[in-house]
């Protein structure tokens, strides 16, 4: 999201800068050129706004092409209408159109730059898409994610600095799904590029095993917490014919669920969490696509810690 905001801000900044240069050199003095410039302005700003709106409403996943094309078609119609109006405009009308256009460009690129910086380093909004964290987090809950608490990421790197707090067991974290390629299939489909929210169960070096859906870390059964949710169902069992090395390797390669599938819900491991990675699970243990199925979460994939629910109003609370 923050990258898209930054790109949109850059587009509007470039448009504003070029427009001022053209007007200073009187390159838009003819009615036809001015009308073309105004149509391009409308097409640019409306297209950016529509794309961002569709992206946010869809949660950033599987952007509906029909809505995108329909919106862009509307932007083209608005641009054509703007062309006709600008071509017939007198000097006073032109001055008003220029002032309005540049004011909007400045507002958009300034707000876009500020918002992208804040979202990259400090706070990001996140919407809960599934029931995997019930009843801690419900579908449709809107969160603010604290991205600074685990340290600031250097842009375009996997390096962090000024770590305020380490990632601890029981933290609820938001992370980019650890898919290596778009073709990688986990939990019924490609999860590439998606953001997930889960609870940290173990860190690098810990040994994790799941028996009858209950998690054991380093051989000890974890205490049963109020936030854990289990369904009253019979537990499944299977005969594991793999060596520990094969099992560990397939788990780290995100291929284990392709072999054992839903059986991993109840019986899993043991595996050793790689250094610099974390084992995560959903609070709704029997209905969660988590590290049991697709492997460890590398540190660089973790975006931040769930901070507080800000919507709906009746659900507002700090995590």
Protein backbone atom coordinates (compact mmCIF):
# COMPACT_ATOMS: atom_id res chain seq x y z
CA UNK A 1 0.00 0.00 0.00
CA UNK A 2 2.71 2.48 1.00
CA UNK A 3 4.65 1.81 -2.21
CA UNK A 4 1.57 2.51 -4.33
CA UNK A 5 0.93 5.74 -2.43
CA UNK A 6 4.52 6.78 -3.01
CA UNK A 7 4.26 6.04 -6.74
CA UNK A 8 1.03 8.05 -7.03
CA UNK A 9 2.65 10.94 -5.13
CA UNK A 10 5.61 10.83 -7.54
CA UNK A 11 3.28 10.85 -10.57
CA UNK A 12 1.41 13.91 -9.29
CA UNK A 13 4.65 15.69 -8.37
CA UNK A 14 6.08 15.14 -11.86
CA UNK A 15 2.82 16.30 -13.45
CA UNK A 16 2.79 19.46 -11.32
CA UNK A 17 6.47 20.21 -12.01
CA UNK A 18 6.16 19.70 -15.79
CA UNK A 19 2.93 21.72 -15.92
CA UNK A 20 4.54 24.71 -14.22
CA UNK A 21 7.50 24.55 -16.60
CA UNK A 22 5.23 24.40 -19.66
CA UNK A 23 3.15 27.33 -18.45
CA UNK A 24 6.21 29.40 -17.62
CA UNK A 25 7.43 28.89 -21.19
CA UNK A 26 3.91 29.58 -22.53
CA UNK A 27 3.76 26.17 -24.20
CA UNK A 28 0.06 25.82 -23.30
CA UNK A 29 -1.12 29.11 -24.69
CA UNK A 30 -3.09 27.67 -27.61
CA UNK A 31 -6.65 26.46 -26.83
CA UNK A 32 -5.94 22.99 -28.21
CA UNK A 33 -2.80 22.43 -26.13
CA UNK A 34 -4.42 23.81 -23.01
CA UNK A 35 -7.46 21.57 -23.47
CA UNK A 36 -5.18 18.56 -23.98
CA UNK A 37 -3.24 19.40 -20.82
CA UNK A 38 -6.45 19.73 -18.79
CA UNK A 39 -7.79 16.42 -20.14
CA UNK A 40 -4.49 14.72 -19.22
CA UNK A 41 -4.69 16.19 -15.71
CA UNK A 42 -8.20 14.83 -15.17
CA UNK A 43 -7.28 11.43 -16.59
CA UNK A 44 -4.18 11.20 -14.37
CA UNK A 45 -5.65 12.26 -11.04
CA UNK A 46 -8.95 10.40 -11.46
CA UNK A 47 -7.23 7.19 -12.61
CA UNK A 48 -4.86 7.27 -9.63
CA UNK A 49 -7.75 7.88 -7.24
CA UNK A 50 -9.85 5.10 -8.75
CA UNK A 51 -7.01 2.57 -8.71
CA UNK A 52 -6.26 3.37 -5.07
CA UNK A 53 -9.94 3.07 -4.12
CA UNK A 54 -10.32 -0.33 -5.81
CA UNK A 55 -7.04 -1.53 -4.27
CA UNK A 56 -8.15 -0.57 -0.74
CA UNK A 57 -11.66 -2.00 -1.08
CA UNK A 58 -10.33 -5.30 -2.43
CA UNK A 59 -7.73 -5.57 0.33
CA UNK A 60 -4.94 -5.47 -2.25
CA UNK A 61 -5.68 -8.98 -3.46
CA UNK A 62 -7.18 -10.13 -6.76
CA UNK A 63 -7.95 -6.65 -8.03
CA UNK A 64 -11.28 -6.86 -9.90
CA UNK A 65 -10.34 -6.07 -13.51
CA UNK A 66 -13.95 -5.34 -14.48
CA UNK A 67 -14.17 -2.56 -11.86
CA UNK A 68 -10.78 -1.20 -12.85
CA UNK A 69 -11.67 -1.01 -16.54
CA UNK A 70 -15.10 0.45 -15.78
CA UNK A 71 -13.55 3.13 -13.59
CA UNK A 72 -10.84 3.94 -16.13
CA UNK A 73 -13.52 4.24 -18.81
CA UNK A 74 -15.29 6.78 -16.60
CA UNK A 75 -11.99 8.65 -16.18
CA UNK A 76 -11.61 8.83 -19.96
CA UNK A 77 -15.15 10.20 -20.32
CA UNK A 78 -14.38 12.84 -17.67
CA UNK A 79 -11.14 13.72 -19.47
CA UNK A 80 -12.98 14.19 -22.78
CA UNK A 81 -15.55 16.40 -21.06
CA UNK A 82 -12.70 18.37 -19.46
CA UNK A 83 -11.09 18.76 -22.90
CA UNK A 84 -14.29 20.27 -24.33
CA UNK A 85 -14.74 22.66 -21.39
CA UNK A 86 -11.09 23.79 -21.40
CA UNK A 87 -11.04 24.34 -25.17
CA UNK A 88 -13.92 26.83 -24.91
CA UNK A 89 -12.65 28.53 -21.74
CA UNK A 90 -11.80 32.23 -21.67
CA UNK A 91 -8.69 33.59 -19.90
CA UNK A 92 -10.36 33.89 -16.48
CA UNK A 93 -11.75 30.37 -16.75
CA UNK A 94 -8.34 29.04 -17.78
CA UNK A 95 -6.67 30.70 -14.80
CA UNK A 96 -9.20 29.10 -12.46
CA UNK A 97 -8.72 25.66 -14.06
CA UNK A 98 -4.92 25.95 -13.74
CA UNK A 99 -5.09 27.06 -10.11
CA UNK A 100 -7.50 24.28 -9.19
CA UNK A 101 -5.48 21.61 -11.01
CA UNK A 102 -2.15 22.60 -9.46
CA UNK A 103 -3.71 22.91 -5.99
CA UNK A 104 -5.05 19.38 -6.26
CA UNK A 105 -1.72 18.07 -7.58
CA UNK A 106 0.15 19.68 -4.69
CA UNK A 107 -2.35 18.34 -2.15
CA UNK A 108 -2.19 14.80 -3.53
CA UNK A 109 1.58 14.52 -3.81
CA UNK A 110 2.22 16.11 -0.40
CA UNK A 111 -0.37 13.90 1.32
CA UNK A 112 0.89 10.86 -0.60
CA UNK A 113 4.52 11.41 0.40
CA UNK A 114 3.62 11.96 4.07
CA UNK A 115 1.23 8.99 4.20
CA UNK A 116 3.68 6.62 2.48
CA UNK A 117 6.48 7.58 4.89
CA UNK A 118 4.22 7.14 7.92
CA UNK A 119 2.95 3.78 6.62
CA UNK A 120 6.42 2.53 5.72
CA UNK A 121 8.04 3.36 9.04
CA UNK A 122 5.38 3.82 11.72
CA UNK A 123 1.73 2.80 11.30
CA UNK A 124 -0.25 0.81 8.77
CA UNK A 125 -3.92 -0.03 8.54
CA UNK A 126 -4.90 -3.69 8.15
CA UNK A 127 -8.25 -5.42 7.70
CA UNK A 128 -8.86 -8.92 9.09
CA UNK A 129 -9.84 -11.11 6.10
CA UNK A 130 -10.61 -14.47 7.73
CA UNK A 131 -11.68 -16.30 10.89
CA UNK A 132 -8.23 -17.70 11.74
CA UNK A 133 -7.80 -15.36 14.73
CA UNK A 134 -11.29 -15.70 16.20
CA UNK A 135 -12.28 -14.60 18.81
CA UNK A 136 -9.31 -12.27 19.36
CA UNK A 137 -9.83 -10.70 15.95
CA UNK A 138 -13.00 -11.03 13.89
CA UNK A 139 -13.53 -10.85 10.16
CA UNK A 140 -13.90 -7.22 9.16
CA UNK A 141 -11.98 -5.79 12.13
CA UNK A 142 -9.77 -2.88 11.11
CA UNK A 143 -6.40 -2.68 12.86
CA UNK A 144 -3.60 -0.21 13.18
CA UNK A 145 -0.27 -2.00 13.00
CA UNK A 146 2.73 -0.64 14.91
CA UNK A 147 5.60 -0.95 12.41
CA UNK A 148 8.19 0.84 14.57
CA UNK A 149 8.06 -1.37 17.67
CA UNK A 150 10.31 -4.08 16.15
CA UNK A 151 12.69 -1.55 14.58
CA UNK A 152 12.81 0.56 11.44
CA UNK A 153 13.50 -1.18 8.15
CA UNK A 154 16.00 0.45 5.80
CA UNK A 155 14.14 1.03 2.51
CA UNK A 156 14.68 -1.67 -0.12
CA UNK A 157 16.70 -3.84 2.31
CA UNK A 158 16.05 -6.47 4.98
CA UNK A 159 18.04 -4.58 7.61
CA UNK A 160 16.49 -3.10 10.75
CA UNK A 161 17.71 -0.52 13.25
CA UNK A 162 16.53 1.11 16.51
CA UNK A 163 14.73 -2.00 17.72
CA UNK A 164 12.43 -0.87 20.54
CA UNK A 165 11.20 -4.33 21.47
CA UNK A 166 12.12 -7.86 20.29
CA UNK A 167 9.54 -10.16 18.75
CA UNK A 168 8.23 -12.31 21.59
CA UNK A 169 6.06 -15.39 21.99
CA UNK A 170 2.34 -14.52 22.09
CA UNK A 171 2.83 -11.32 20.06
CA UNK A 172 0.22 -10.87 17.32
CA UNK A 173 2.16 -9.98 14.19
CA UNK A 174 1.31 -8.95 10.64
CA UNK A 175 3.62 -10.34 7.99
CA UNK A 176 4.02 -10.87 4.29
CA UNK A 177 3.32 -14.50 3.45
CA UNK A 178 6.63 -16.34 2.94
CA UNK A 179 5.95 -17.54 -0.60
CA UNK A 180 9.00 -17.89 -2.81
CA UNK A 181 7.11 -17.65 -6.13
CA UNK A 182 3.60 -16.84 -7.39
CA UNK A 183 3.25 -20.48 -8.43
CA UNK A 184 3.74 -21.74 -4.86
CA UNK A 185 0.46 -23.19 -3.60
CA UNK A 186 -0.46 -23.34 0.09
CA UNK A 187 -3.79 -23.74 1.86
CA UNK A 188 -5.73 -24.16 -1.37
CA UNK A 189 -4.09 -21.53 -3.57
CA UNK A 190 -1.34 -19.00 -4.14
CA UNK A 191 -0.74 -16.74 -1.14
CA UNK A 192 2.07 -14.78 -2.81
CA UNK A 193 2.24 -11.14 -1.70
CA UNK A 194 -0.63 -11.43 0.80
CA UNK A 195 -0.48 -10.08 4.34
CA UNK A 196 -1.32 -12.51 7.16
CA UNK A 197 -1.96 -11.99 10.87
CA UNK A 198 -1.06 -14.70 13.41
CA UNK A 199 0.31 -15.17 16.92
CA UNK A 200 3.97 -16.01 17.52
CA UNK A 201 4.39 -19.43 19.13
CA UNK A 202 8.15 -20.01 18.92
CA UNK A 203 11.34 -18.38 17.66
CA UNK A 204 14.52 -19.52 15.93
CA UNK A 205 16.16 -22.54 17.56
CA UNK A 206 12.98 -23.78 19.27
CA UNK A 207 11.60 -27.25 18.58
CA UNK A 208 7.87 -27.25 17.83
CA UNK A 209 5.44 -30.15 17.74
CA UNK A 210 1.65 -30.28 17.58
CA UNK A 211 -0.18 -33.23 19.14
CA UNK A 212 -3.97 -33.36 18.95
CA UNK A 213 -3.92 -29.71 17.87
CA UNK A 214 -2.06 -28.57 21.04
CA UNK A 215 1.38 -26.98 20.60
CA UNK A 216 4.53 -28.19 22.35
CA UNK A 217 7.68 -26.05 22.37
CA UNK A 218 10.99 -27.65 23.35
CA UNK A 219 9.08 -30.69 24.60
CA UNK A 220 6.74 -28.77 26.91
CA UNK A 221 3.00 -28.38 26.36
CA UNK A 222 2.14 -24.69 26.13
CA UNK A 223 -0.38 -23.45 28.72
CA UNK A 224 -3.96 -23.23 27.49
CA UNK A 225 -4.81 -19.54 27.08
CA UNK A 226 -8.22 -17.90 27.00
CA UNK A 227 -7.62 -16.68 23.44
CA UNK A 228 -7.21 -20.22 22.04
CA UNK A 229 -10.26 -21.66 20.30
CA UNK A 230 -10.75 -25.37 19.42
CA UNK A 231 -13.61 -27.16 17.69
CA UNK A 232 -15.20 -30.21 19.39
CA UNK A 233 -14.07 -32.65 16.70
CA UNK A 234 -12.30 -36.00 16.59
CA UNK A 235 -8.56 -35.70 16.06
CA UNK A 236 -6.96 -37.33 13.01
CA UNK A 237 -3.80 -39.41 12.98
CA UNK A 238 -1.43 -40.59 10.29
CA UNK A 239 1.67 -42.76 10.02
CA UNK A 240 4.71 -40.62 9.30
CA UNK A 241 7.21 -42.56 7.18
CA UNK A 242 9.59 -39.67 6.56
CA UNK A 243 12.89 -39.12 8.27
CA UNK A 244 13.20 -36.04 10.48
CA UNK A 245 15.57 -34.50 7.95
CA UNK A 246 13.12 -34.97 5.04
CA UNK A 247 10.23 -33.63 7.11
CA UNK A 248 12.22 -30.58 8.21
CA UNK A 249 13.41 -29.84 4.68
CA UNK A 250 9.93 -30.06 3.14
CA UNK A 251 8.51 -27.88 5.90
CA UNK A 252 11.13 -25.17 5.34
CA UNK A 253 10.47 -25.35 1.58
CA UNK A 254 6.72 -24.76 2.20
CA UNK A 255 5.83 -28.11 0.64
CA UNK A 256 4.59 -30.11 3.62
CA UNK A 257 0.89 -29.31 3.24
CA UNK A 258 1.02 -30.65 -0.31
CA UNK A 259 1.77 -34.07 1.18
CA UNK A 260 -0.15 -34.24 4.46
CA UNK A 261 -2.78 -31.56 3.85
CA UNK A 262 -5.41 -31.20 6.61
CA UNK A 263 -3.78 -33.87 8.79
CA UNK A 264 -1.24 -31.23 9.86
CA UNK A 265 -3.98 -29.47 11.81
CA UNK A 266 -3.85 -32.10 14.55
CA UNK A 267 -0.48 -33.83 14.22
CA UNK A 268 2.63 -31.92 13.21
CA UNK A 269 6.39 -32.07 13.68
CA UNK A 270 8.64 -32.03 15.47
CA UNK A 271 10.59 -29.37 13.55
CA UNK A 272 13.28 -26.90 14.55
CA UNK A 273 12.50 -23.28 13.73
CA UNK A 274 15.38 -21.85 11.66
CA UNK A 275 17.41 -19.03 13.20
CA UNK A 276 16.00 -15.65 12.26
CA UNK A 277 12.52 -17.11 11.73
CA UNK A 278 9.33 -17.62 13.75
CA UNK A 279 6.59 -20.22 14.11
CA UNK A 280 3.10 -18.69 14.10
CA UNK A 281 -0.42 -20.02 14.61
CA UNK A 282 -3.94 -18.60 14.51
CA UNK A 283 -5.92 -18.38 17.75
CA UNK A 284 -8.74 -20.30 16.05
CA UNK A 285 -6.46 -23.33 16.00
CA UNK A 286 -8.67 -25.72 14.05
CA UNK A 287 -9.44 -23.16 11.35
CA UNK A 288 -6.12 -21.49 10.69
CA UNK A 289 -3.73 -21.70 7.75
CA UNK A 290 -0.47 -21.20 9.63
CA UNK A 291 3.12 -22.41 10.13
CA UNK A 292 1.95 -26.00 10.54
CA UNK A 293 1.04 -26.00 6.86
CA UNK A 294 3.44 -23.63 5.11
CA UNK A 295 6.53 -23.25 7.25
CA UNK A 296 8.45 -20.59 9.20
CA UNK A 297 8.14 -16.82 8.85
CA UNK A 298 11.50 -15.08 8.22
CA UNK A 299 12.17 -11.95 10.29
CA UNK A 300 12.25 -9.74 7.20
CA UNK A 301 8.66 -10.72 6.35
CA UNK A 302 7.26 -9.38 9.63
CA UNK A 303 5.82 -5.90 9.13
CA UNK A 304 4.78 -5.06 12.67
CA UNK A 305 2.72 -5.79 15.74
CA UNK A 306 -1.06 -5.54 15.99
CA UNK A 307 -1.69 -2.34 17.95
CA UNK A 308 -5.41 -1.64 18.33
CA UNK A 309 -8.74 -2.15 16.63
CA UNK A 310 -10.18 1.12 15.36
CA UNK A 311 -13.28 -0.18 13.53
CA UNK A 312 -16.08 -1.09 14.02
CA UNK A 313 -16.75 1.31 16.88
CA UNK A 314 -18.09 -1.34 19.25
CA UNK A 315 -14.84 -3.30 18.81
CA UNK A 316 -12.40 -0.45 19.52
CA UNK A 317 -9.70 -1.64 21.89
CA UNK A 318 -5.95 -1.96 22.33
CA UNK A 319 -4.47 -5.35 21.55
